[in-house]
Amino acid sequence: MFVREKRQFVVQAATYKAPGPRGYGYELLDVAEVKPPNDVATALALSDGDRVVMRHRLLLHDGDPVELSWSYYPLAIAAGSPLAGRKKIRGGAPQVLAQLGFPERRFEDRVSVRQPTTKEVEGLDLPADVPVFRQFRVVYSDFQRPVEVSILIKGGHLYELSYDQVVGE
């Protein structure tokens, strides 16, 4: 028998979690211009050597760490915008992308489960031997242009992911 201190969160995969008291909040850990990981560069259809703006955040729920995220934006889109700034973005990245002319039209997720890295255990304050969800999300704008890739790491003991697909549209 396993006893959990908290109930699992059922998370709609497409839901933006707005910050609020005793709810979700974000801690911005880093913003930098970087060479993206290979899978991110491929998903963004970048040329070799292209750089991106990376935003690294910690999602908190009621003050507890529940998700680490890294979001990557092509430099051609993000340079000089709030995405490249070292501040939290009121309304979130989808709002900024829309203002820049790249509204979110669809996204694609790949979800896997694996053992966490040492940094993930520490960052998410995970119990020993708890696997994590790794969610690899590609956001597309008009004309199927990829405009954002996010890697989200969630403790497997905290989440149940929920997807809803409309068929026939």
N, C-alpha and C. Protein backbone atom coordinates (compact mmCIF):
# COMPACT_ATOMS: atom_id res chain seq x y z
N MET A 1 0.84 -1.16 0.00
CA MET A 1 0.00 0.00 0.00
C MET A 1 0.89 1.23 0.00
N PHE A 2 0.46 2.26 -0.77
CA PHE A 2 1.16 3.51 -0.82
C PHE A 2 0.25 4.60 -0.30
N VAL A 3 0.79 5.46 0.55
CA VAL A 3 0.01 6.57 1.07
C VAL A 3 0.64 7.84 0.52
N ARG A 4 -0.18 8.65 -0.13
CA ARG A 4 0.30 9.92 -0.67
C ARG A 4 -0.18 11.05 0.22
N GLU A 5 0.71 12.02 0.39
CA GLU A 5 0.36 13.18 1.18
C GLU A 5 -0.69 14.03 0.46
N LYS A 6 -0.61 14.05 -0.86
CA LYS A 6 -1.51 14.88 -1.66
C LYS A 6 -2.13 14.04 -2.76
N ARG A 7 -3.30 14.45 -3.21
CA ARG A 7 -3.97 13.78 -4.32
C ARG A 7 -3.32 14.20 -5.63
N GLN A 8 -3.39 13.33 -6.62
CA GLN A 8 -2.86 13.67 -7.93
C GLN A 8 -3.65 14.81 -8.55
N PHE A 9 -2.93 15.66 -9.30
CA PHE A 9 -3.58 16.71 -10.07
C PHE A 9 -3.96 16.10 -11.41
N VAL A 10 -5.19 16.31 -11.84
CA VAL A 10 -5.56 15.94 -13.20
C VAL A 10 -5.39 17.20 -14.02
N VAL A 11 -4.47 17.16 -14.98
CA VAL A 11 -4.09 18.33 -15.72
C VAL A 11 -4.55 18.19 -17.17
N GLN A 12 -5.37 19.12 -17.62
CA GLN A 12 -5.70 19.18 -19.04
C GLN A 12 -4.43 19.63 -19.74
N ALA A 13 -3.95 18.84 -20.67
CA ALA A 13 -2.66 19.11 -21.30
C ALA A 13 -2.61 20.47 -21.96
N ALA A 14 -3.73 20.98 -22.45
CA ALA A 14 -3.74 22.25 -23.17
C ALA A 14 -3.95 23.45 -22.26
N THR A 15 -4.15 23.24 -20.99
CA THR A 15 -4.53 24.32 -20.09
C THR A 15 -3.34 25.17 -19.69
N TYR A 16 -3.50 26.48 -19.81
CA TYR A 16 -2.54 27.44 -19.26
C TYR A 16 -2.91 27.65 -17.80
N LYS A 17 -1.96 27.50 -16.91
CA LYS A 17 -2.23 27.63 -15.49
C LYS A 17 -1.94 29.07 -15.06
N ALA A 18 -2.98 29.83 -14.87
CA ALA A 18 -2.81 31.23 -14.47
C ALA A 18 -2.38 31.30 -13.01
N PRO A 19 -1.39 32.13 -12.70
CA PRO A 19 -0.97 32.28 -11.30
C PRO A 19 -2.11 32.82 -10.44
N GLY A 20 -2.10 32.43 -9.18
CA GLY A 20 -3.12 32.92 -8.27
C GLY A 20 -2.76 32.55 -6.84
N PRO A 21 -3.36 33.22 -5.87
CA PRO A 21 -3.09 32.91 -4.47
C PRO A 21 -3.50 31.47 -4.16
N ARG A 22 -2.64 30.78 -3.45
CA ARG A 22 -2.84 29.37 -3.07
C ARG A 22 -3.12 28.49 -4.29
N GLY A 23 -2.68 28.94 -5.43
CA GLY A 23 -2.83 28.17 -6.66
C GLY A 23 -1.47 28.03 -7.30
N TYR A 24 -1.43 28.23 -8.60
CA TYR A 24 -0.18 28.11 -9.34
C TYR A 24 0.59 29.41 -9.35
N GLY A 25 1.89 29.29 -9.32
CA GLY A 25 2.79 30.42 -9.45
C GLY A 25 4.05 29.96 -10.15
N TYR A 26 4.79 30.89 -10.71
CA TYR A 26 6.01 30.57 -11.44
C TYR A 26 7.20 31.25 -10.82
N GLU A 27 8.32 30.58 -10.89
CA GLU A 27 9.60 31.17 -10.53
C GLU A 27 10.45 31.11 -11.79
N LEU A 28 10.90 32.24 -12.28
CA LEU A 28 11.75 32.29 -13.46
C LEU A 28 13.18 31.99 -13.03
N LEU A 29 13.73 30.88 -13.52
CA LEU A 29 15.06 30.45 -13.11
C LEU A 29 16.16 31.00 -14.01
N ASP A 30 15.86 31.13 -15.32
CA ASP A 30 16.89 31.59 -16.24
C ASP A 30 16.25 32.00 -17.57
N VAL A 31 16.86 32.96 -18.21
CA VAL A 31 16.53 33.34 -19.59
C VAL A 31 17.87 33.55 -20.27
N ALA A 32 18.07 32.89 -21.42
CA ALA A 32 19.36 32.99 -22.09
C ALA A 32 19.21 32.71 -23.58
N GLU A 33 20.16 33.23 -24.34
CA GLU A 33 20.27 32.89 -25.75
C GLU A 33 21.23 31.69 -25.80
N VAL A 34 20.76 30.57 -26.34
CA VAL A 34 21.54 29.32 -26.29
C VAL A 34 21.48 28.58 -27.62
N LYS A 35 22.38 27.63 -27.76
CA LYS A 35 22.29 26.64 -28.82
C LYS A 35 21.31 25.58 -28.31
N PRO A 36 20.25 25.29 -29.06
CA PRO A 36 19.24 24.38 -28.53
C PRO A 36 19.69 22.93 -28.58
N PRO A 37 19.11 22.08 -27.72
CA PRO A 37 19.35 20.64 -27.85
C PRO A 37 18.92 20.17 -29.25
N ASN A 38 19.49 19.08 -29.72
CA ASN A 38 19.21 18.60 -31.07
C ASN A 38 17.73 18.37 -31.35
N ASP A 39 17.00 17.75 -30.39
CA ASP A 39 15.59 17.48 -30.65
C ASP A 39 14.78 18.77 -30.75
N VAL A 40 15.18 19.80 -30.02
CA VAL A 40 14.52 21.10 -30.08
C VAL A 40 14.82 21.77 -31.42
N ALA A 41 16.08 21.76 -31.85
CA ALA A 41 16.46 22.36 -33.12
C ALA A 41 15.72 21.69 -34.28
N THR A 42 15.60 20.38 -34.23
CA THR A 42 14.88 19.66 -35.28
C THR A 42 13.41 20.05 -35.29
N ALA A 43 12.79 20.09 -34.12
CA ALA A 43 11.36 20.43 -34.02
C ALA A 43 11.08 21.86 -34.50
N LEU A 44 12.02 22.77 -34.26
CA LEU A 44 11.85 24.16 -34.69
C LEU A 44 12.31 24.39 -36.13
N ALA A 45 12.78 23.32 -36.79
CA ALA A 45 13.26 23.40 -38.18
C ALA A 45 14.38 24.43 -38.32
N LEU A 46 15.31 24.43 -37.36
CA LEU A 46 16.41 25.37 -37.38
C LEU A 46 17.59 24.83 -38.18
N SER A 47 18.39 25.73 -38.69
CA SER A 47 19.63 25.36 -39.37
C SER A 47 20.71 25.15 -38.32
N ASP A 48 21.73 24.40 -38.69
CA ASP A 48 22.85 24.15 -37.77
C ASP A 48 23.47 25.49 -37.36
N GLY A 49 23.64 25.68 -36.09
CA GLY A 49 24.23 26.91 -35.58
C GLY A 49 23.22 27.97 -35.17
N ASP A 50 21.94 27.81 -35.56
CA ASP A 50 20.91 28.76 -35.14
C ASP A 50 20.77 28.73 -33.63
N ARG A 51 20.51 29.88 -33.06
CA ARG A 51 20.34 29.99 -31.61
C ARG A 51 18.89 30.29 -31.30
N VAL A 52 18.55 30.08 -30.03
CA VAL A 52 17.18 30.28 -29.56
C VAL A 52 17.21 31.06 -28.25
N VAL A 53 16.04 31.59 -27.90
CA VAL A 53 15.85 32.13 -26.56
C VAL A 53 15.27 31.00 -25.72
N MET A 54 15.90 30.73 -24.59
CA MET A 54 15.45 29.68 -23.68
C MET A 54 14.96 30.34 -22.39
N ARG A 55 13.75 29.94 -21.96
CA ARG A 55 13.19 30.39 -20.68
C ARG A 55 13.03 29.16 -19.81
N HIS A 56 13.68 29.16 -18.66
CA HIS A 56 13.64 28.03 -17.72
C HIS A 56 12.85 28.48 -16.49
N ARG A 57 11.78 27.71 -16.16
CA ARG A 57 10.89 28.09 -15.07
C ARG A 57 10.63 26.91 -14.13
N LEU A 58 10.20 27.26 -12.94
CA LEU A 58 9.73 26.29 -11.95
C LEU A 58 8.28 26.64 -11.66
N LEU A 59 7.39 25.69 -11.86
CA LEU A 59 5.97 25.87 -11.56
C LEU A 59 5.73 25.41 -10.13
N LEU A 60 5.04 26.24 -9.37
CA LEU A 60 4.72 25.93 -7.98
C LEU A 60 3.20 25.81 -7.84
N HIS A 61 2.77 24.91 -7.00
CA HIS A 61 1.35 24.84 -6.65
C HIS A 61 1.27 24.95 -5.14
N ASP A 62 0.59 25.96 -4.68
CA ASP A 62 0.48 26.23 -3.24
C ASP A 62 1.87 26.27 -2.59
N GLY A 63 2.85 26.81 -3.33
CA GLY A 63 4.20 26.96 -2.82
C GLY A 63 5.10 25.75 -3.00
N ASP A 64 4.56 24.63 -3.45
CA ASP A 64 5.36 23.41 -3.64
C ASP A 64 5.78 23.27 -5.10
N PRO A 65 7.04 22.84 -5.36
CA PRO A 65 7.47 22.67 -6.74
C PRO A 65 6.76 21.47 -7.39
N VAL A 66 6.21 21.68 -8.59
CA VAL A 66 5.49 20.59 -9.26
C VAL A 66 5.93 20.39 -10.71
N GLU A 67 6.66 21.35 -11.30
CA GLU A 67 7.07 21.17 -12.70
C GLU A 67 8.27 22.05 -12.99
N LEU A 68 9.24 21.48 -13.70
CA LEU A 68 10.34 22.24 -14.28
C LEU A 68 10.07 22.35 -15.76
N SER A 69 10.30 23.53 -16.34
CA SER A 69 10.06 23.68 -17.77
C SER A 69 11.15 24.51 -18.42
N TRP A 70 11.42 24.16 -19.68
CA TRP A 70 12.33 24.88 -20.53
C TRP A 70 11.56 25.16 -21.82
N SER A 71 11.40 26.42 -22.18
CA SER A 71 10.74 26.77 -23.42
C SER A 71 11.75 27.45 -24.33
N TYR A 72 11.70 27.07 -25.61
CA TYR A 72 12.66 27.54 -26.60
C TYR A 72 11.92 28.24 -27.73
N TYR A 73 12.42 29.42 -28.13
CA TYR A 73 11.81 30.23 -29.17
C TYR A 73 12.88 30.60 -30.19
N PRO A 74 12.58 30.49 -31.50
CA PRO A 74 13.58 30.92 -32.49
C PRO A 74 13.98 32.37 -32.25
N LEU A 75 15.26 32.63 -32.36
CA LEU A 75 15.78 33.98 -32.12
C LEU A 75 15.14 34.98 -33.08
N ALA A 76 14.83 34.56 -34.30
CA ALA A 76 14.21 35.44 -35.28
C ALA A 76 12.85 35.95 -34.80
N ILE A 77 12.18 35.20 -33.95
CA ILE A 77 10.88 35.60 -33.41
C ILE A 77 11.03 36.33 -32.07
N ALA A 78 11.87 35.80 -31.20
CA ALA A 78 11.91 36.25 -29.80
C ALA A 78 12.82 37.43 -29.51
N ALA A 79 13.83 37.65 -30.34
CA ALA A 79 14.80 38.72 -30.06
C ALA A 79 14.09 40.06 -29.88
N GLY A 80 14.42 40.76 -28.80
CA GLY A 80 13.85 42.07 -28.54
C GLY A 80 12.43 42.07 -27.99
N SER A 81 11.86 40.90 -27.81
CA SER A 81 10.48 40.80 -27.29
C SER A 81 10.52 40.45 -25.80
N PRO A 82 9.36 40.48 -25.15
CA PRO A 82 9.33 40.05 -23.75
C PRO A 82 9.80 38.60 -23.55
N LEU A 83 9.75 37.78 -24.60
CA LEU A 83 10.23 36.40 -24.47
C LEU A 83 11.72 36.37 -24.14
N ALA A 84 12.45 37.35 -24.61
CA ALA A 84 13.89 37.41 -24.36
C ALA A 84 14.23 38.18 -23.08
N GLY A 85 13.21 38.76 -22.44
CA GLY A 85 13.44 39.53 -21.22
C GLY A 85 13.58 38.65 -20.00
N ARG A 86 14.20 39.19 -18.98
CA ARG A 86 14.44 38.44 -17.75
C ARG A 86 13.36 38.68 -16.71
N LYS A 87 12.13 38.90 -17.19
CA LYS A 87 11.01 39.11 -16.29
C LYS A 87 9.92 38.10 -16.59
N LYS A 88 9.04 37.89 -15.60
CA LYS A 88 7.85 37.09 -15.85
C LYS A 88 7.00 37.79 -16.90
N ILE A 89 6.26 37.01 -17.67
CA ILE A 89 5.44 37.56 -18.74
C ILE A 89 3.97 37.52 -18.33
N ARG A 90 3.40 38.68 -18.11
CA ARG A 90 1.98 38.75 -17.76
C ARG A 90 1.16 38.24 -18.95
N GLY A 91 0.29 37.26 -18.70
CA GLY A 91 -0.51 36.69 -19.77
C GLY A 91 0.16 35.52 -20.46
N GLY A 92 1.43 35.30 -20.20
CA GLY A 92 2.14 34.15 -20.74
C GLY A 92 2.65 34.31 -22.16
N ALA A 93 3.47 33.36 -22.55
CA ALA A 93 4.08 33.37 -23.88
C ALA A 93 3.06 33.31 -25.01
N PRO A 94 1.94 32.56 -24.88
CA PRO A 94 0.99 32.54 -26.00
C PRO A 94 0.50 33.95 -26.37
N GLN A 95 0.31 34.79 -25.38
CA GLN A 95 -0.14 36.16 -25.65
C GLN A 95 0.93 36.94 -26.40
N VAL A 96 2.20 36.79 -25.98
CA VAL A 96 3.29 37.50 -26.65
C VAL A 96 3.44 37.01 -28.08
N LEU A 97 3.40 35.70 -28.27
CA LEU A 97 3.52 35.15 -29.63
C LEU A 97 2.41 35.69 -30.53
N ALA A 98 1.20 35.76 -30.02
CA ALA A 98 0.08 36.29 -30.80
C ALA A 98 0.33 37.76 -31.16
N GLN A 99 0.83 38.55 -30.20
CA GLN A 99 1.11 39.97 -30.45
C GLN A 99 2.22 40.13 -31.50
N LEU A 100 3.12 39.14 -31.57
CA LEU A 100 4.21 39.19 -32.54
C LEU A 100 3.79 38.67 -33.92
N GLY A 101 2.52 38.23 -34.03
CA GLY A 101 2.02 37.72 -35.31
C GLY A 101 2.11 36.23 -35.47
N PHE A 102 2.32 35.51 -34.37
CA PHE A 102 2.44 34.05 -34.41
C PHE A 102 1.46 33.41 -33.42
N PRO A 103 0.15 33.53 -33.70
CA PRO A 103 -0.81 32.94 -32.76
C PRO A 103 -0.70 31.41 -32.74
N GLU A 104 -0.93 30.87 -31.54
CA GLU A 104 -0.91 29.41 -31.39
C GLU A 104 -2.12 28.82 -32.12
N ARG A 105 -1.86 27.91 -33.05
CA ARG A 105 -2.94 27.27 -33.80
C ARG A 105 -3.13 25.81 -33.38
N ARG A 106 -2.05 25.18 -33.01
CA ARG A 106 -2.15 23.80 -32.52
C ARG A 106 -0.83 23.46 -31.83
N PHE A 107 -0.86 22.37 -31.09
CA PHE A 107 0.39 21.88 -30.50
C PHE A 107 0.38 20.37 -30.58
N GLU A 108 1.57 19.83 -30.45
CA GLU A 108 1.76 18.39 -30.50
C GLU A 108 2.61 18.01 -29.29
N ASP A 109 2.16 17.02 -28.55
CA ASP A 109 2.90 16.56 -27.37
C ASP A 109 3.41 15.15 -27.57
N ARG A 110 4.61 14.91 -27.06
CA ARG A 110 5.13 13.55 -26.89
C ARG A 110 5.40 13.42 -25.40
N VAL A 111 4.84 12.39 -24.79
CA VAL A 111 4.98 12.19 -23.35
C VAL A 111 5.69 10.87 -23.11
N SER A 112 6.70 10.91 -22.27
CA SER A 112 7.41 9.69 -21.88
C SER A 112 7.59 9.70 -20.37
N VAL A 113 7.95 8.56 -19.84
CA VAL A 113 8.18 8.41 -18.40
C VAL A 113 9.59 7.84 -18.23
N ARG A 114 10.32 8.39 -17.29
CA ARG A 114 11.69 7.93 -17.04
C ARG A 114 12.08 8.28 -15.61
N GLN A 115 13.23 7.78 -15.19
CA GLN A 115 13.76 8.15 -13.89
C GLN A 115 14.33 9.57 -13.99
N PRO A 116 14.20 10.36 -12.95
CA PRO A 116 14.66 11.75 -12.98
C PRO A 116 16.18 11.86 -12.86
N THR A 117 16.68 12.99 -13.33
CA THR A 117 18.08 13.31 -13.10
C THR A 117 18.23 13.82 -11.67
N THR A 118 19.44 13.94 -11.21
CA THR A 118 19.69 14.47 -9.86
C THR A 118 19.15 15.89 -9.73
N LYS A 119 19.36 16.72 -10.76
CA LYS A 119 18.86 18.09 -10.72
C LYS A 119 17.33 18.13 -10.66
N GLU A 120 16.66 17.21 -11.34
CA GLU A 120 15.19 17.16 -11.31
C GLU A 120 14.69 16.71 -9.94
N VAL A 121 15.36 15.74 -9.32
CA VAL A 121 15.00 15.30 -7.97
C VAL A 121 15.09 16.48 -7.01
N GLU A 122 16.20 17.22 -7.10
CA GLU A 122 16.41 18.36 -6.21
C GLU A 122 15.44 19.50 -6.52
N GLY A 123 15.27 19.82 -7.80
CA GLY A 123 14.42 20.94 -8.19
C GLY A 123 12.95 20.73 -7.87
N LEU A 124 12.50 19.46 -7.98
CA LEU A 124 11.09 19.15 -7.73
C LEU A 124 10.86 18.55 -6.35
N ASP A 125 11.94 18.42 -5.56
CA ASP A 125 11.83 17.84 -4.22
C ASP A 125 11.09 16.50 -4.27
N LEU A 126 11.57 15.61 -5.17
CA LEU A 126 10.92 14.33 -5.39
C LEU A 126 11.32 13.29 -4.35
N PRO A 127 10.39 12.41 -3.97
CA PRO A 127 10.75 11.26 -3.15
C PRO A 127 11.67 10.34 -3.95
N ALA A 128 12.40 9.50 -3.27
CA ALA A 128 13.32 8.57 -3.93
C ALA A 128 12.54 7.64 -4.88
N ASP A 129 13.14 7.36 -6.01
CA ASP A 129 12.63 6.38 -6.98
C ASP A 129 11.28 6.74 -7.60
N VAL A 130 10.91 7.99 -7.62
CA VAL A 130 9.66 8.40 -8.27
C VAL A 130 9.99 8.80 -9.70
N PRO A 131 9.37 8.17 -10.70
CA PRO A 131 9.63 8.55 -12.08
C PRO A 131 9.00 9.90 -12.40
N VAL A 132 9.44 10.47 -13.51
CA VAL A 132 8.89 11.74 -13.97
C VAL A 132 8.27 11.58 -15.35
N PHE A 133 7.27 12.42 -15.61
CA PHE A 133 6.75 12.60 -16.96
C PHE A 133 7.68 13.59 -17.66
N ARG A 134 8.03 13.30 -18.90
CA ARG A 134 8.73 14.28 -19.75
C ARG A 134 7.77 14.57 -20.90
N GLN A 135 7.32 15.80 -20.94
CA GLN A 135 6.38 16.24 -21.98
C GLN A 135 7.14 17.14 -22.94
N PHE A 136 7.20 16.74 -24.20
CA PHE A 136 7.90 17.49 -25.24
C PHE A 136 6.83 18.08 -26.14
N ARG A 137 6.63 19.39 -26.04
CA ARG A 137 5.53 20.06 -26.75
C ARG A 137 6.07 20.98 -27.84
N VAL A 138 5.51 20.84 -29.04
CA VAL A 138 5.82 21.74 -30.14
C VAL A 138 4.56 22.54 -30.44
N VAL A 139 4.68 23.86 -30.40
CA VAL A 139 3.57 24.76 -30.68
C VAL A 139 3.72 25.29 -32.10
N TYR A 140 2.63 25.21 -32.86
CA TYR A 140 2.63 25.65 -34.25
C TYR A 140 1.74 26.86 -34.41
N SER A 141 2.15 27.76 -35.31
CA SER A 141 1.35 28.92 -35.66
C SER A 141 0.79 28.70 -37.06
N ASP A 142 0.47 29.79 -37.73
CA ASP A 142 -0.07 29.70 -39.08
C ASP A 142 0.91 28.97 -40.01
N PHE A 143 0.36 28.30 -41.00
CA PHE A 143 1.14 27.58 -42.01
C PHE A 143 2.03 26.50 -41.40
N GLN A 144 1.60 25.95 -40.27
CA GLN A 144 2.32 24.87 -39.58
C GLN A 144 3.74 25.27 -39.17
N ARG A 145 3.96 26.55 -38.93
CA ARG A 145 5.29 27.03 -38.53
C ARG A 145 5.49 26.75 -37.04
N PRO A 146 6.53 26.00 -36.69
CA PRO A 146 6.82 25.78 -35.27
C PRO A 146 7.41 27.05 -34.66
N VAL A 147 6.83 27.50 -33.55
CA VAL A 147 7.25 28.76 -32.93
C VAL A 147 7.73 28.60 -31.49
N GLU A 148 7.48 27.45 -30.91
CA GLU A 148 7.91 27.21 -29.52
C GLU A 148 8.05 25.71 -29.31
N VAL A 149 9.07 25.34 -28.56
CA VAL A 149 9.21 23.97 -28.07
C VAL A 149 9.38 24.07 -26.56
N SER A 150 8.59 23.29 -25.83
CA SER A 150 8.73 23.27 -24.38
C SER A 150 8.99 21.84 -23.92
N ILE A 151 9.88 21.73 -22.97
CA ILE A 151 10.14 20.46 -22.30
C ILE A 151 9.68 20.65 -20.86
N LEU A 152 8.71 19.84 -20.45
CA LEU A 152 8.09 19.95 -19.14
C LEU A 152 8.37 18.67 -18.37
N ILE A 153 8.88 18.80 -17.16
CA ILE A 153 9.18 17.65 -16.31
C ILE A 153 8.28 17.73 -15.08
N LYS A 154 7.50 16.67 -14.88
CA LYS A 154 6.54 16.63 -13.77
C LYS A 154 6.76 15.34 -12.97
N GLY A 155 6.65 15.43 -11.65
CA GLY A 155 6.73 14.24 -10.81
C GLY A 155 5.59 13.28 -11.12
N GLY A 156 5.90 12.02 -11.39
CA GLY A 156 4.89 11.04 -11.76
C GLY A 156 3.88 10.76 -10.67
N HIS A 157 4.24 11.03 -9.44
CA HIS A 157 3.32 10.78 -8.32
C HIS A 157 2.30 11.91 -8.15
N LEU A 158 2.50 13.02 -8.87
CA LEU A 158 1.63 14.19 -8.69
C LEU A 158 0.60 14.37 -9.79
N TYR A 159 0.81 13.78 -10.95
CA TYR A 159 0.01 14.13 -12.11
C TYR A 159 -0.66 12.94 -12.78
N GLU A 160 -1.80 13.24 -13.31
CA GLU A 160 -2.47 12.39 -14.29
C GLU A 160 -2.76 13.33 -15.45
N LEU A 161 -2.22 13.03 -16.64
CA LEU A 161 -2.44 13.89 -17.79
C LEU A 161 -3.74 13.52 -18.47
N SER A 162 -4.47 14.54 -18.92
CA SER A 162 -5.74 14.34 -19.60
C SER A 162 -5.70 15.03 -20.95
N TYR A 163 -6.04 14.29 -22.00
CA TYR A 163 -6.07 14.83 -23.36
C TYR A 163 -7.48 14.72 -23.90
N ASP A 164 -7.86 15.71 -24.69
CA ASP A 164 -9.18 15.74 -25.29
C ASP A 164 -8.98 16.07 -26.77
N GLN A 165 -9.39 15.19 -27.64
CA GLN A 165 -9.18 15.38 -29.08
C GLN A 165 -10.51 15.47 -29.78
N VAL A 166 -10.68 16.53 -30.55
CA VAL A 166 -11.88 16.67 -31.37
C VAL A 166 -11.59 16.01 -32.70
N VAL A 167 -12.45 15.11 -33.13
CA VAL A 167 -12.25 14.37 -34.37
C VAL A 167 -13.23 14.88 -35.42
N GLY A 168 -12.77 15.00 -36.64
CA GLY A 168 -13.65 15.34 -37.73
C GLY A 168 -13.79 16.81 -38.02
N GLU A 169 -12.94 17.65 -37.46
CA GLU A 169 -13.03 19.08 -37.78
C GLU A 169 -12.04 19.43 -38.87
